[in-house]
Amino acid sequence: DYKVVVTDDCGDTEEQSATITVWPGLTADITAPIDGTCIGTTTPLEVTNLNNEGTPTYQWQVSPNGTDNWSDLDTYAATYNAPTDVAGTFYYRVNITDNGRTSGCNTLTKETSVLVWPALAAAEIADQSVCIGTTQDITAVVTTGQGAGHYHYQWQRWSDASTNYTNIEGAADAATYAAPINVAGTYFYKVIITEDSACNNVEKTMTLTVWESLTVDELT
């Protein structure tokens, strides 16, 4: 509080007092997925830790690049559920107004972005027929997903002698598996591909036929 005392030449005085309220700066955080989110999932963006004095109002906006061309969204609450039906990076911001503060220090804008990963997909693996030998490479090719370095592979195999696929020991986390072809026969392979995001997994199968070496009986 402040007070001023005014005294004139006749010795008369008059006092006036005033109260000045100094508001701290308006601050807030936005909770959002840090590393990205799966396509088709609910992704809430939420204003948290707001140091408001009165009832706040919110206006969410979206931009194609995070720099300009911001457009209003029909959302006026502390939480906005960002759509994730399309893969890509999307830029959002929220304009906050605290109605309990004096104009000029009652607004705040917070920005964030949401990376939506495309659904994991892989190419079909062609069947192969090879001559008996040492090994034959089988390769899984991811076509869309979280990105290089985020994929994990588990190779499996079954043959006519078994009834289901079983994991191949030592054949994990490699896109290419060197299948042994030293014994003739038909072999069935499967690769299970996952990614760090754990959004979904993909399975691909193929058949490998190993032929016996051609032999000719000696003429007599």
C-alpha atoms as a PDB file:
ATOM      1  CA  ASP A   1       0.000   0.000   0.000  1.00  0.00           C
ATOM      2  CA  TYR A   2       1.095   3.561  -0.701  1.00  0.00           C
ATOM      3  CA  LYS A   3       0.053   6.866   0.893  1.00  0.00           C
ATOM      4  CA  VAL A   4       0.779  10.453  -0.018  1.00  0.00           C
ATOM      5  CA  VAL A   5       0.450  13.336   2.462  1.00  0.00           C
ATOM      6  CA  VAL A   6       0.047  16.832   0.949  1.00  0.00           C
ATOM      7  CA  THR A   7       0.643  19.923   3.121  1.00  0.00           C
ATOM      8  CA  ASP A   8      -0.088  23.474   1.910  1.00  0.00           C
ATOM      9  CA  ASP A   9       1.503  26.723   3.079  1.00  0.00           C
ATOM     10  CA  CYS A  10      -1.196  27.155   5.706  1.00  0.00           C
ATOM     11  CA  GLY A  11      -0.315  23.877   7.292  1.00  0.00           C
ATOM     12  CA  ASP A  12      -3.406  22.052   6.132  1.00  0.00           C
ATOM     13  CA  THR A  13      -2.835  18.429   5.112  1.00  0.00           C
ATOM     14  CA  GLU A  14      -4.667  15.867   3.091  1.00  0.00           C
ATOM     15  CA  GLU A  15      -3.878  12.185   2.665  1.00  0.00           C
ATOM     16  CA  GLN A  16      -4.575   9.806  -0.199  1.00  0.00           C
ATOM     17  CA  SER A  17      -3.754   6.095  -0.267  1.00  0.00           C
ATOM     18  CA  ALA A  18      -3.614   3.504  -3.030  1.00  0.00           C
ATOM     19  CA  THR A  19      -2.971  -0.203  -3.353  1.00  0.00           C
ATOM     20  CA  ILE A  20      -0.837  -1.569  -6.170  1.00  0.00           C
ATOM     21  CA  THR A  21      -1.033  -5.279  -6.931  1.00  0.00           C
ATOM     22  CA  VAL A  22       1.959  -6.692  -8.796  1.00  0.00           C
ATOM     23  CA  TRP A  23       1.035  -9.952 -10.473  1.00  0.00           C
ATOM     24  CA  PRO A  24       3.674 -12.587 -11.123  1.00  0.00           C
ATOM     25  CA  GLY A  25       4.081 -13.559 -14.744  1.00  0.00           C
ATOM     26  CA  LEU A  26       1.470 -16.002 -16.012  1.00  0.00           C
ATOM     27  CA  THR A  27       3.068 -19.435 -16.431  1.00  0.00           C
ATOM     28  CA  ALA A  28       1.854 -22.870 -17.514  1.00  0.00           C
ATOM     29  CA  ASP A  29       2.998 -26.153 -19.053  1.00  0.00           C
ATOM     30  CA  ILE A  30       1.543 -28.359 -21.760  1.00  0.00           C
ATOM     31  CA  THR A  31       1.600 -32.131 -21.399  1.00  0.00           C
ATOM     32  CA  ALA A  32       2.067 -33.812 -24.768  1.00  0.00           C
ATOM     33  CA  PRO A  33       3.670 -37.019 -26.104  1.00  0.00           C
ATOM     34  CA  ILE A  34       7.428 -36.394 -26.113  1.00  0.00           C
ATOM     35  CA  ASP A  35       8.628 -38.949 -28.640  1.00  0.00           C
ATOM     36  CA  GLY A  36       5.485 -39.306 -30.756  1.00  0.00           C
ATOM     37  CA  THR A  37       2.225 -41.190 -30.764  1.00  0.00           C
ATOM     38  CA  CYS A  38       0.624 -44.054 -32.627  1.00  0.00           C
ATOM     39  CA  ILE A  39      -1.687 -43.337 -35.512  1.00  0.00           C
ATOM     40  CA  GLY A  40      -5.350 -43.633 -34.567  1.00  0.00           C
ATOM     41  CA  THR A  41      -4.850 -43.204 -30.798  1.00  0.00           C
ATOM     42  CA  THR A  42      -6.335 -40.610 -28.465  1.00  0.00           C
ATOM     43  CA  THR A  43      -3.717 -37.923 -27.845  1.00  0.00           C
ATOM     44  CA  PRO A  44      -4.716 -35.290 -25.266  1.00  0.00           C
ATOM     45  CA  LEU A  45      -2.816 -32.011 -24.997  1.00  0.00           C
ATOM     46  CA  GLU A  46      -3.377 -30.503 -21.564  1.00  0.00           C
ATOM     47  CA  VAL A  47      -2.529 -27.198 -19.891  1.00  0.00           C
ATOM     48  CA  THR A  48      -1.048 -27.890 -16.448  1.00  0.00           C
ATOM     49  CA  ASN A  49       0.627 -25.927 -13.630  1.00  0.00           C
ATOM     50  CA  LEU A  50      -1.230 -22.714 -14.523  1.00  0.00           C
ATOM     51  CA  ASN A  51      -0.697 -20.039 -11.847  1.00  0.00           C
ATOM     52  CA  ASN A  52      -4.005 -18.313 -12.521  1.00  0.00           C
ATOM     53  CA  GLU A  53      -5.719 -15.888 -10.140  1.00  0.00           C
ATOM     54  CA  GLY A  54      -9.196 -16.093 -11.670  1.00  0.00           C
ATOM     55  CA  THR A  55     -11.107 -18.179 -14.167  1.00  0.00           C
ATOM     56  CA  PRO A  56      -8.919 -18.856 -17.213  1.00  0.00           C
ATOM     57  CA  THR A  57     -10.123 -19.095 -20.801  1.00  0.00           C
ATOM     58  CA  TYR A  58      -8.440 -21.073 -23.561  1.00  0.00           C
ATOM     59  CA  GLN A  59      -8.227 -20.881 -27.343  1.00  0.00           C
ATOM     60  CA  TRP A  60      -6.428 -23.707 -29.120  1.00  0.00           C
ATOM     61  CA  GLN A  61      -4.927 -23.176 -32.553  1.00  0.00           C
ATOM     62  CA  VAL A  62      -3.187 -25.270 -35.224  1.00  0.00           C
ATOM     63  CA  SER A  63      -0.518 -24.357 -37.784  1.00  0.00           C
ATOM     64  CA  PRO A  64       0.864 -26.255 -40.786  1.00  0.00           C
ATOM     65  CA  ASN A  65       4.457 -25.316 -39.911  1.00  0.00           C
ATOM     66  CA  GLY A  66       4.535 -24.001 -36.334  1.00  0.00           C
ATOM     67  CA  THR A  67       5.514 -20.523 -37.499  1.00  0.00           C
ATOM     68  CA  ASP A  68       2.510 -18.830 -39.082  1.00  0.00           C
ATOM     69  CA  ASN A  69      -0.974 -19.385 -40.513  1.00  0.00           C
ATOM     70  CA  TRP A  70      -2.401 -20.253 -37.110  1.00  0.00           C
ATOM     71  CA  SER A  71      -6.104 -21.042 -37.227  1.00  0.00           C
ATOM     72  CA  ASP A  72      -8.574 -21.386 -34.356  1.00  0.00           C
ATOM     73  CA  LEU A  73      -9.834 -24.776 -33.261  1.00  0.00           C
ATOM     74  CA  ASP A  74     -13.271 -25.312 -31.807  1.00  0.00           C
ATOM     75  CA  THR A  75     -11.833 -26.093 -28.387  1.00  0.00           C
ATOM     76  CA  TYR A  76     -11.970 -23.763 -25.374  1.00  0.00           C
ATOM     77  CA  ALA A  77     -10.971 -26.048 -22.515  1.00  0.00           C
ATOM     78  CA  ALA A  78      -7.660 -26.834 -20.801  1.00  0.00           C
ATOM     79  CA  THR A  79      -7.469 -30.130 -22.708  1.00  0.00           C
ATOM     80  CA  TYR A  80      -7.521 -30.639 -26.480  1.00  0.00           C
ATOM     81  CA  ASN A  81      -7.675 -34.108 -28.022  1.00  0.00           C
ATOM     82  CA  ALA A  82      -5.398 -33.846 -31.044  1.00  0.00           C
ATOM     83  CA  PRO A  83      -6.497 -35.954 -34.026  1.00  0.00           C
ATOM     84  CA  THR A  84      -4.112 -38.740 -35.021  1.00  0.00           C
ATOM     85  CA  ASP A  85      -5.817 -40.275 -38.045  1.00  0.00           C
ATOM     86  CA  VAL A  86      -3.092 -38.971 -40.387  1.00  0.00           C
ATOM     87  CA  ALA A  87       0.659 -39.511 -39.958  1.00  0.00           C
ATOM     88  CA  GLY A  88       2.980 -36.507 -39.783  1.00  0.00           C
ATOM     89  CA  THR A  89       4.043 -33.656 -37.498  1.00  0.00           C
ATOM     90  CA  PHE A  90       1.353 -31.241 -36.356  1.00  0.00           C
ATOM     91  CA  TYR A  91       1.836 -27.933 -34.530  1.00  0.00           C
ATOM     92  CA  TYR A  92      -0.470 -26.582 -31.825  1.00  0.00           C
ATOM     93  CA  ARG A  93      -0.623 -23.684 -29.440  1.00  0.00           C
ATOM     94  CA  VAL A  94      -3.042 -22.463 -26.804  1.00  0.00           C
ATOM     95  CA  ASN A  95      -3.754 -18.825 -25.953  1.00  0.00           C
ATOM     96  CA  ILE A  96      -4.579 -18.522 -22.239  1.00  0.00           C
ATOM     97  CA  THR A  97      -6.307 -15.538 -20.617  1.00  0.00           C
ATOM     98  CA  ASP A  98      -6.538 -15.218 -16.825  1.00  0.00           C
ATOM     99  CA  ASN A  99      -9.632 -13.165 -16.012  1.00  0.00           C
ATOM    100  CA  GLY A 100      -8.389 -12.586 -12.470  1.00  0.00           C
ATOM    101  CA  ARG A 101      -5.455 -10.433 -13.591  1.00  0.00           C
ATOM    102  CA  THR A 102      -5.067  -6.933 -14.962  1.00  0.00           C
ATOM    103  CA  SER A 103      -5.037  -6.580 -18.737  1.00  0.00           C
ATOM    104  CA  GLY A 104      -1.483  -6.570 -20.036  1.00  0.00           C
ATOM    105  CA  CYS A 105      -0.216  -9.319 -17.768  1.00  0.00           C
ATOM    106  CA  ASN A 106      -3.045 -11.814 -18.026  1.00  0.00           C
ATOM    107  CA  THR A 107      -2.262 -13.625 -21.269  1.00  0.00           C
ATOM    108  CA  LEU A 108       0.093 -16.438 -22.196  1.00  0.00           C
ATOM    109  CA  THR A 109       0.708 -18.524 -25.307  1.00  0.00           C
ATOM    110  CA  LYS A 110       2.169 -22.035 -25.102  1.00  0.00           C
ATOM    111  CA  GLU A 111       3.189 -24.123 -28.124  1.00  0.00           C
ATOM    112  CA  THR A 112       3.786 -27.816 -28.708  1.00  0.00           C
ATOM    113  CA  SER A 113       3.908 -30.319 -31.538  1.00  0.00           C
ATOM    114  CA  VAL A 114       2.647 -33.869 -32.053  1.00  0.00           C
ATOM    115  CA  LEU A 115       4.472 -36.456 -34.144  1.00  0.00           C
ATOM    116  CA  VAL A 116       2.079 -39.135 -35.394  1.00  0.00           C
ATOM    117  CA  TRP A 117       3.874 -42.265 -36.592  1.00  0.00           C
ATOM    118  CA  PRO A 118       2.517 -44.107 -39.622  1.00  0.00           C
ATOM    119  CA  ALA A 119       1.255 -47.641 -39.133  1.00  0.00           C
ATOM    120  CA  LEU A 120       3.992 -50.263 -39.291  1.00  0.00           C
ATOM    121  CA  ALA A 121       4.003 -52.132 -42.630  1.00  0.00           C
ATOM    122  CA  ALA A 122       6.424 -54.428 -44.448  1.00  0.00           C
ATOM    123  CA  ALA A 123       6.811 -55.832 -47.943  1.00  0.00           C
ATOM    124  CA  GLU A 124       5.887 -59.403 -48.744  1.00  0.00           C
ATOM    125  CA  ILE A 125       8.834 -61.825 -48.753  1.00  0.00           C
ATOM    126  CA  ALA A 126       9.035 -63.855 -51.938  1.00  0.00           C
ATOM    127  CA  ASP A 127       9.299 -67.631 -51.760  1.00  0.00           C
ATOM    128  CA  GLN A 128      12.662 -69.027 -52.830  1.00  0.00           C
ATOM    129  CA  SER A 129      13.945 -72.263 -54.352  1.00  0.00           C
ATOM    130  CA  VAL A 130      17.678 -72.893 -54.050  1.00  0.00           C
ATOM    131  CA  CYS A 131      20.199 -75.643 -54.489  1.00  0.00           C
ATOM    132  CA  ILE A 132      21.618 -77.310 -51.437  1.00  0.00           C
ATOM    133  CA  GLY A 133      24.556 -75.354 -50.068  1.00  0.00           C
ATOM    134  CA  THR A 134      25.500 -73.337 -46.984  1.00  0.00           C
ATOM    135  CA  THR A 135      23.113 -70.448 -46.266  1.00  0.00           C
ATOM    136  CA  GLN A 136      20.492 -68.360 -48.050  1.00  0.00           C
ATOM    137  CA  ASP A 137      19.657 -64.805 -46.976  1.00  0.00           C
ATOM    138  CA  ILE A 138      16.025 -63.949 -46.240  1.00  0.00           C
ATOM    139  CA  THR A 139      15.361 -60.242 -45.768  1.00  0.00           C
ATOM    140  CA  ALA A 140      12.425 -58.351 -44.281  1.00  0.00           C
ATOM    141  CA  VAL A 141      11.847 -54.830 -45.635  1.00  0.00           C
ATOM    142  CA  VAL A 142       9.835 -52.321 -43.589  1.00  0.00           C
ATOM    143  CA  THR A 143       7.941 -49.903 -45.845  1.00  0.00           C
ATOM    144  CA  THR A 144       6.410 -47.548 -43.266  1.00  0.00           C
ATOM    145  CA  GLY A 145       6.827 -47.126 -39.530  1.00  0.00           C
ATOM    146  CA  GLN A 146       8.620 -45.235 -36.812  1.00  0.00           C
ATOM    147  CA  GLY A 147      11.895 -44.975 -38.716  1.00  0.00           C
ATOM    148  CA  ALA A 148      15.239 -46.687 -39.112  1.00  0.00           C
ATOM    149  CA  GLY A 149      16.800 -47.901 -35.893  1.00  0.00           C
ATOM    150  CA  HIS A 150      13.446 -48.455 -34.171  1.00  0.00           C
ATOM    151  CA  TYR A 151      12.557 -51.893 -35.556  1.00  0.00           C
ATOM    152  CA  HIS A 152      13.017 -55.305 -33.973  1.00  0.00           C
ATOM    153  CA  TYR A 153      12.840 -58.679 -35.685  1.00  0.00           C
ATOM    154  CA  GLN A 154      12.163 -62.198 -34.468  1.00  0.00           C
ATOM    155  CA  TRP A 155      12.627 -64.956 -37.012  1.00  0.00           C
ATOM    156  CA  GLN A 156      10.767 -68.243 -36.683  1.00  0.00           C
ATOM    157  CA  ARG A 157      10.707 -71.512 -38.601  1.00  0.00           C
ATOM    158  CA  TRP A 158       8.742 -74.710 -38.957  1.00  0.00           C
ATOM    159  CA  SER A 159       9.157 -77.700 -41.221  1.00  0.00           C
ATOM    160  CA  ASP A 160       7.048 -80.676 -42.167  1.00  0.00           C
ATOM    161  CA  ALA A 161       8.274 -82.352 -39.007  1.00  0.00           C
ATOM    162  CA  SER A 162       6.754 -79.704 -36.677  1.00  0.00           C
ATOM    163  CA  THR A 163       3.278 -78.294 -36.150  1.00  0.00           C
ATOM    164  CA  ASN A 164       3.938 -74.627 -35.428  1.00  0.00           C
ATOM    165  CA  TYR A 165       6.480 -71.867 -35.736  1.00  0.00           C
ATOM    166  CA  THR A 166       9.246 -71.682 -33.149  1.00  0.00           C
ATOM    167  CA  ASN A 167      11.781 -68.940 -32.531  1.00  0.00           C
ATOM    168  CA  ILE A 168      15.145 -69.444 -34.191  1.00  0.00           C
ATOM    169  CA  GLU A 169      17.883 -69.137 -31.606  1.00  0.00           C
ATOM    170  CA  GLY A 170      20.151 -66.176 -32.313  1.00  0.00           C
ATOM    171  CA  ALA A 171      17.892 -64.849 -35.091  1.00  0.00           C
ATOM    172  CA  ALA A 172      16.547 -61.715 -33.392  1.00  0.00           C
ATOM    173  CA  ASP A 173      16.851 -57.998 -34.117  1.00  0.00           C
ATOM    174  CA  ALA A 174      18.229 -58.459 -37.612  1.00  0.00           C
ATOM    175  CA  ALA A 175      16.321 -57.684 -40.801  1.00  0.00           C
ATOM    176  CA  THR A 176      18.184 -60.447 -42.639  1.00  0.00           C
ATOM    177  CA  TYR A 177      18.375 -64.083 -41.569  1.00  0.00           C
ATOM    178  CA  ALA A 178      20.925 -66.469 -43.097  1.00  0.00           C
ATOM    179  CA  ALA A 179      18.865 -69.618 -43.403  1.00  0.00           C
ATOM    180  CA  PRO A 180      20.808 -72.889 -43.483  1.00  0.00           C
ATOM    181  CA  ILE A 181      20.360 -74.825 -46.729  1.00  0.00           C
ATOM    182  CA  ASN A 182      22.633 -77.807 -46.108  1.00  0.00           C
ATOM    183  CA  VAL A 183      19.704 -80.234 -45.883  1.00  0.00           C
ATOM    184  CA  ALA A 184      17.219 -80.668 -48.695  1.00  0.00           C
ATOM    185  CA  GLY A 185      13.560 -80.082 -47.933  1.00  0.00           C
ATOM    186  CA  THR A 186      10.835 -77.443 -47.648  1.00  0.00           C
ATOM    187  CA  TYR A 187      11.069 -74.917 -44.821  1.00  0.00           C
ATOM    188  CA  PHE A 188       8.586 -72.283 -43.741  1.00  0.00           C
ATOM    189  CA  TYR A 189       9.805 -69.036 -42.202  1.00  0.00           C
ATOM    190  CA  LYS A 190       8.070 -66.205 -40.406  1.00  0.00           C
ATOM    191  CA  VAL A 191       9.406 -62.855 -39.207  1.00  0.00           C
ATOM    192  CA  ILE A 192       7.630 -60.854 -36.516  1.00  0.00           C
ATOM    193  CA  ILE A 193       8.468 -57.150 -36.765  1.00  0.00           C
ATOM    194  CA  THR A 194       7.864 -54.760 -33.881  1.00  0.00           C
ATOM    195  CA  GLU A 195       8.970 -51.193 -33.204  1.00  0.00           C
ATOM    196  CA  ASP A 196       9.984 -49.161 -30.167  1.00  0.00           C
ATOM    197  CA  SER A 197       6.629 -47.369 -30.127  1.00  0.00           C
ATOM    198  CA  ALA A 198       4.860 -50.725 -29.569  1.00  0.00           C
ATOM    199  CA  CYS A 199       1.999 -49.397 -31.685  1.00  0.00           C
ATOM    200  CA  ASN A 200       1.529 -52.630 -33.600  1.00  0.00           C
ATOM    201  CA  ASN A 201       3.439 -55.533 -35.120  1.00  0.00           C
ATOM    202  CA  VAL A 202       3.649 -57.122 -38.539  1.00  0.00           C
ATOM    203  CA  GLU A 203       4.166 -60.767 -39.487  1.00  0.00           C
ATOM    204  CA  LYS A 204       5.455 -61.943 -42.858  1.00  0.00           C
ATOM    205  CA  THR A 205       5.942 -65.541 -44.032  1.00  0.00           C
ATOM    206  CA  MET A 206       7.779 -67.253 -46.863  1.00  0.00           C
ATOM    207  CA  THR A 207       8.649 -70.742 -48.080  1.00  0.00           C
ATOM    208  CA  LEU A 208      12.206 -71.875 -48.770  1.00  0.00           C
ATOM    209  CA  THR A 209      12.697 -75.004 -50.872  1.00  0.00           C
ATOM    210  CA  VAL A 210      16.148 -76.598 -50.826  1.00  0.00           C
ATOM    211  CA  TRP A 211      16.853 -78.999 -53.702  1.00  0.00           C
ATOM    212  CA  GLU A 212      19.181 -81.953 -53.599  1.00  0.00           C
ATOM    213  CA  SER A 213      22.266 -81.698 -55.770  1.00  0.00           C
ATOM    214  CA  LEU A 214      21.783 -83.294 -59.161  1.00  0.00           C
ATOM    215  CA  THR A 215      23.568 -86.638 -59.399  1.00  0.00           C
ATOM    216  CA  VAL A 216      24.079 -89.047 -62.272  1.00  0.00           C
ATOM    217  CA  ASP A 217      24.888 -92.736 -61.862  1.00  0.00           C
ATOM    218  CA  GLU A 218      28.077 -93.849 -63.525  1.00  0.00           C
ATOM    219  CA  LEU A 219      27.501 -95.509 -66.874  1.00  0.00           C
ATOM    220  CA  THR A 220      28.467 -99.145 -67.115  1.00  0.00           C
END
